[in-house]
C-alpha atoms as a PDB file:
ATOM      1  CA  GLU A   1     123.256  88.895 118.230  1.00  0.00           C
ATOM      2  CA  VAL A   2     120.540  91.013 116.676  1.00  0.00           C
ATOM      3  CA  GLN A   3     117.312  89.110 116.135  1.00  0.00           C
ATOM      4  CA  LEU A   4     113.936  90.140 114.769  1.00  0.00           C
ATOM      5  CA  VAL A   5     111.136  87.595 114.976  1.00  0.00           C
ATOM      6  CA  GLU A   6     107.807  88.262 113.319  1.00  0.00           C
ATOM      7  CA  SER A   7     104.578  86.553 114.266  1.00  0.00           C
ATOM      8  CA  GLY A   8     100.843  86.952 113.848  1.00  0.00           C
ATOM      9  CA  GLY A   9     100.383  86.159 110.173  1.00  0.00           C
ATOM     10  CA  GLY A  10      97.777  83.800 108.838  1.00  0.00           C
ATOM     11  CA  LEU A  11      94.776  83.351 106.615  1.00  0.00           C
ATOM     12  CA  VAL A  12      92.014  85.926 106.919  1.00  0.00           C
ATOM     13  CA  GLN A  13      88.934  86.783 104.899  1.00  0.00           C
ATOM     14  CA  PRO A  14      88.658  90.092 103.052  1.00  0.00           C
ATOM     15  CA  GLY A  15      87.613  92.792 105.455  1.00  0.00           C
ATOM     16  CA  GLY A  16      89.209  91.015 108.371  1.00  0.00           C
ATOM     17  CA  SER A  17      91.998  92.067 110.706  1.00  0.00           C
ATOM     18  CA  LEU A  18      95.356  90.792 111.869  1.00  0.00           C
ATOM     19  CA  ARG A  19      98.005  92.148 114.180  1.00  0.00           C
ATOM     20  CA  LEU A  20     101.596  91.383 113.356  1.00  0.00           C
ATOM     21  CA  SER A  21     104.322  91.517 115.977  1.00  0.00           C
ATOM     22  CA  CYS A  22     108.061  91.809 115.599  1.00  0.00           C
ATOM     23  CA  ALA A  23     110.048  90.967 118.714  1.00  0.00           C
ATOM     24  CA  ALA A  24     113.547  92.411 118.792  1.00  0.00           C
ATOM     25  CA  SER A  25     116.634  91.457 120.750  1.00  0.00           C
ATOM     26  CA  GLY A  26     120.366  92.023 120.722  1.00  0.00           C
ATOM     27  CA  PHE A  27     120.336  95.807 120.393  1.00  0.00           C
ATOM     28  CA  THR A  28     118.931  98.860 122.152  1.00  0.00           C
ATOM     29  CA  PHE A  29     115.483  98.682 120.614  1.00  0.00           C
ATOM     30  CA  SER A  30     114.315 102.035 121.930  1.00  0.00           C
ATOM     31  CA  SER A  31     117.072 103.858 120.055  1.00  0.00           C
ATOM     32  CA  TYR A  32     116.148 102.866 116.531  1.00  0.00           C
ATOM     33  CA  ASP A  33     113.396 103.319 113.987  1.00  0.00           C
ATOM     34  CA  MET A  34     111.565 100.216 112.881  1.00  0.00           C
ATOM     35  CA  THR A  35     110.051  99.453 109.496  1.00  0.00           C
ATOM     36  CA  TRP A  36     107.589  97.003 108.008  1.00  0.00           C
ATOM     37  CA  VAL A  37     107.839  95.961 104.374  1.00  0.00           C
ATOM     38  CA  ARG A  38     106.067  93.276 102.397  1.00  0.00           C
ATOM     39  CA  GLN A  39     106.605  91.137  99.358  1.00  0.00           C
ATOM     40  CA  ALA A  40     103.642  89.875  97.389  1.00  0.00           C
ATOM     41  CA  PRO A  41     103.964  86.731  95.269  1.00  0.00           C
ATOM     42  CA  GLY A  42     106.051  87.434  92.192  1.00  0.00           C
ATOM     43  CA  LYS A  43     106.668  91.076  93.147  1.00  0.00           C
ATOM     44  CA  GLY A  44     109.413  93.118  94.715  1.00  0.00           C
ATOM     45  CA  LEU A  45     109.608  94.513  98.212  1.00  0.00           C
ATOM     46  CA  GLU A  46     107.087  97.210  99.082  1.00  0.00           C
ATOM     47  CA  TRP A  47     107.611  99.583 101.979  1.00  0.00           C
ATOM     48  CA  VAL A  48     104.583  99.552 104.264  1.00  0.00           C
ATOM     49  CA  SER A  49     105.200 101.665 107.351  1.00  0.00           C
ATOM     50  CA  ASN A  50     107.845 103.172 109.602  1.00  0.00           C
ATOM     51  CA  ILE A  51     107.926 104.288 113.216  1.00  0.00           C
ATOM     52  CA  ASP A  52     110.593 106.378 114.898  1.00  0.00           C
ATOM     53  CA  SER A  53     112.511 105.241 117.927  1.00  0.00           C
ATOM     54  CA  GLY A  54     110.205 106.882 120.440  1.00  0.00           C
ATOM     55  CA  GLY A  55     107.001 105.930 118.695  1.00  0.00           C
ATOM     56  CA  GLY A  56     105.926 109.518 118.240  1.00  0.00           C
ATOM     57  CA  SER A  57     106.231 109.681 114.475  1.00  0.00           C
ATOM     58  CA  THR A  58     104.850 107.220 111.962  1.00  0.00           C
ATOM     59  CA  THR A  59     104.519 107.096 108.210  1.00  0.00           C
ATOM     60  CA  CYS A  60     102.815 104.610 105.929  1.00  0.00           C
ATOM     61  CA  ALA A  61     102.303 103.842 102.293  1.00  0.00           C
ATOM     62  CA  ASP A  62      99.273 105.261 100.534  1.00  0.00           C
ATOM     63  CA  SER A  63      98.149 101.710  99.765  1.00  0.00           C
ATOM     64  CA  VAL A  64      97.570 100.986 103.459  1.00  0.00           C
ATOM     65  CA  LYS A  65      96.796 104.426 104.842  1.00  0.00           C
ATOM     66  CA  GLY A  66      93.707 104.432 107.008  1.00  0.00           C
ATOM     67  CA  ARG A  67      93.772 100.636 107.327  1.00  0.00           C
ATOM     68  CA  PHE A  68      97.148  99.769 108.875  1.00  0.00           C
ATOM     69  CA  THR A  69      98.636 101.232 112.039  1.00  0.00           C
ATOM     70  CA  ILE A  70     102.197 100.792 113.212  1.00  0.00           C
ATOM     71  CA  SER A  71     103.037 101.028 116.902  1.00  0.00           C
ATOM     72  CA  ARG A  72     105.736  99.931 119.302  1.00  0.00           C
ATOM     73  CA  ASP A  73     106.221  99.023 122.931  1.00  0.00           C
ATOM     74  CA  ASN A  74     109.781  99.847 123.911  1.00  0.00           C
ATOM     75  CA  ALA A  75     109.344  98.128 127.255  1.00  0.00           C
ATOM     76  CA  LYS A  76     108.627  94.892 125.405  1.00  0.00           C
ATOM     77  CA  ASN A  77     111.094  95.473 122.542  1.00  0.00           C
ATOM     78  CA  THR A  78     108.281  94.861 120.097  1.00  0.00           C
ATOM     79  CA  VAL A  79     106.860  96.648 117.085  1.00  0.00           C
ATOM     80  CA  TYR A  80     103.353  95.942 115.839  1.00  0.00           C
ATOM     81  CA  LEU A  81     101.394  96.305 112.649  1.00  0.00           C
ATOM     82  CA  GLN A  82      97.644  96.393 113.122  1.00  0.00           C
ATOM     83  CA  MET A  83      96.002  95.578 109.821  1.00  0.00           C
ATOM     84  CA  ASN A  84      92.297  96.228 109.367  1.00  0.00           C
ATOM     85  CA  SER A  85      89.974  96.047 106.369  1.00  0.00           C
ATOM     86  CA  LEU A  86      92.321  93.614 104.715  1.00  0.00           C
ATOM     87  CA  LYS A  87      92.146  93.150 100.965  1.00  0.00           C
ATOM     88  CA  PRO A  88      93.334  90.288  98.755  1.00  0.00           C
ATOM     89  CA  GLU A  89      96.069  92.590  97.458  1.00  0.00           C
ATOM     90  CA  ASP A  90      97.497  92.731 100.977  1.00  0.00           C
ATOM     91  CA  THR A  91      98.523  89.090 100.588  1.00  0.00           C
ATOM     92  CA  ALA A  92     102.283  88.995 101.068  1.00  0.00           C
ATOM     93  CA  VAL A  93     105.114  87.991 103.312  1.00  0.00           C
ATOM     94  CA  TYR A  94     105.569  90.770 105.850  1.00  0.00           C
ATOM     95  CA  TYR A  95     109.010  91.595 107.202  1.00  0.00           C
ATOM     96  CA  CYS A  96     110.237  93.957 109.860  1.00  0.00           C
ATOM     97  CA  TYR A  97     113.673  95.470 109.668  1.00  0.00           C
ATOM     98  CA  THR A  98     115.901  97.980 111.330  1.00  0.00           C
ATOM     99  CA  GLN A  99     119.186  99.692 110.604  1.00  0.00           C
ATOM    100  CA  ILE A 100     121.420 100.295 113.597  1.00  0.00           C
ATOM    101  CA  GLY A 101     124.456 101.772 111.845  1.00  0.00           C
ATOM    102  CA  HIS A 102     125.744 103.140 108.570  1.00  0.00           C
ATOM    103  CA  GLY A 103     125.841 100.733 105.663  1.00  0.00           C
ATOM    104  CA  GLU A 104     124.140  97.535 104.617  1.00  0.00           C
ATOM    105  CA  ASP A 105     125.997  95.484 107.227  1.00  0.00           C
ATOM    106  CA  TRP A 106     123.922  97.184 109.889  1.00  0.00           C
ATOM    107  CA  VAL A 107     120.533  96.318 108.385  1.00  0.00           C
ATOM    108  CA  TYR A 108     118.728  93.461 110.111  1.00  0.00           C
ATOM    109  CA  TRP A 109     115.666  91.595 108.893  1.00  0.00           C
ATOM    110  CA  GLY A 110     113.216  89.201 110.434  1.00  0.00           C
ATOM    111  CA  GLN A 111     112.327  85.912 108.790  1.00  0.00           C
ATOM    112  CA  GLY A 112     108.929  87.149 107.649  1.00  0.00           C
ATOM    113  CA  THR A 113     105.361  86.124 108.355  1.00  0.00           C
ATOM    114  CA  GLN A 114     102.852  85.140 105.698  1.00  0.00           C
ATOM    115  CA  VAL A 115      99.582  87.013 105.440  1.00  0.00           C
ATOM    116  CA  THR A 116      96.976  85.599 103.089  1.00  0.00           C
ATOM    117  CA  VAL A 117      93.723  87.426 102.461  1.00  0.00           C
ATOM    118  CA  SER A 118      91.238  85.184 100.728  1.00  0.00           C
ATOM    119  CA  SER A 119      87.660  84.032 100.951  1.00  0.00           C
END
């Protein structure tokens, strides 16, 4: 059974940092790209960042560029999102997901972790 479990969210002051983790199981983690998305209150999903299977190629949204860094440890089956210089507009539920085949049936999501940036 494919499982993705996020952790590391919480309440942080503006300018602070958090590191999110997404622990994967049930599939060959090192073979697949991983993605972080977020959903702010009352808004739709926003793509945040992606990392390829080997960790050598990453992309991120302009809204987080220079502040967030995605990485992965294939030995630990875990993908990370290091978030620095957090802003109130970063407040959202953060999800990791992966797609391990063709079609929506092969898309797997974690349960999400809440990040709140507030003074």
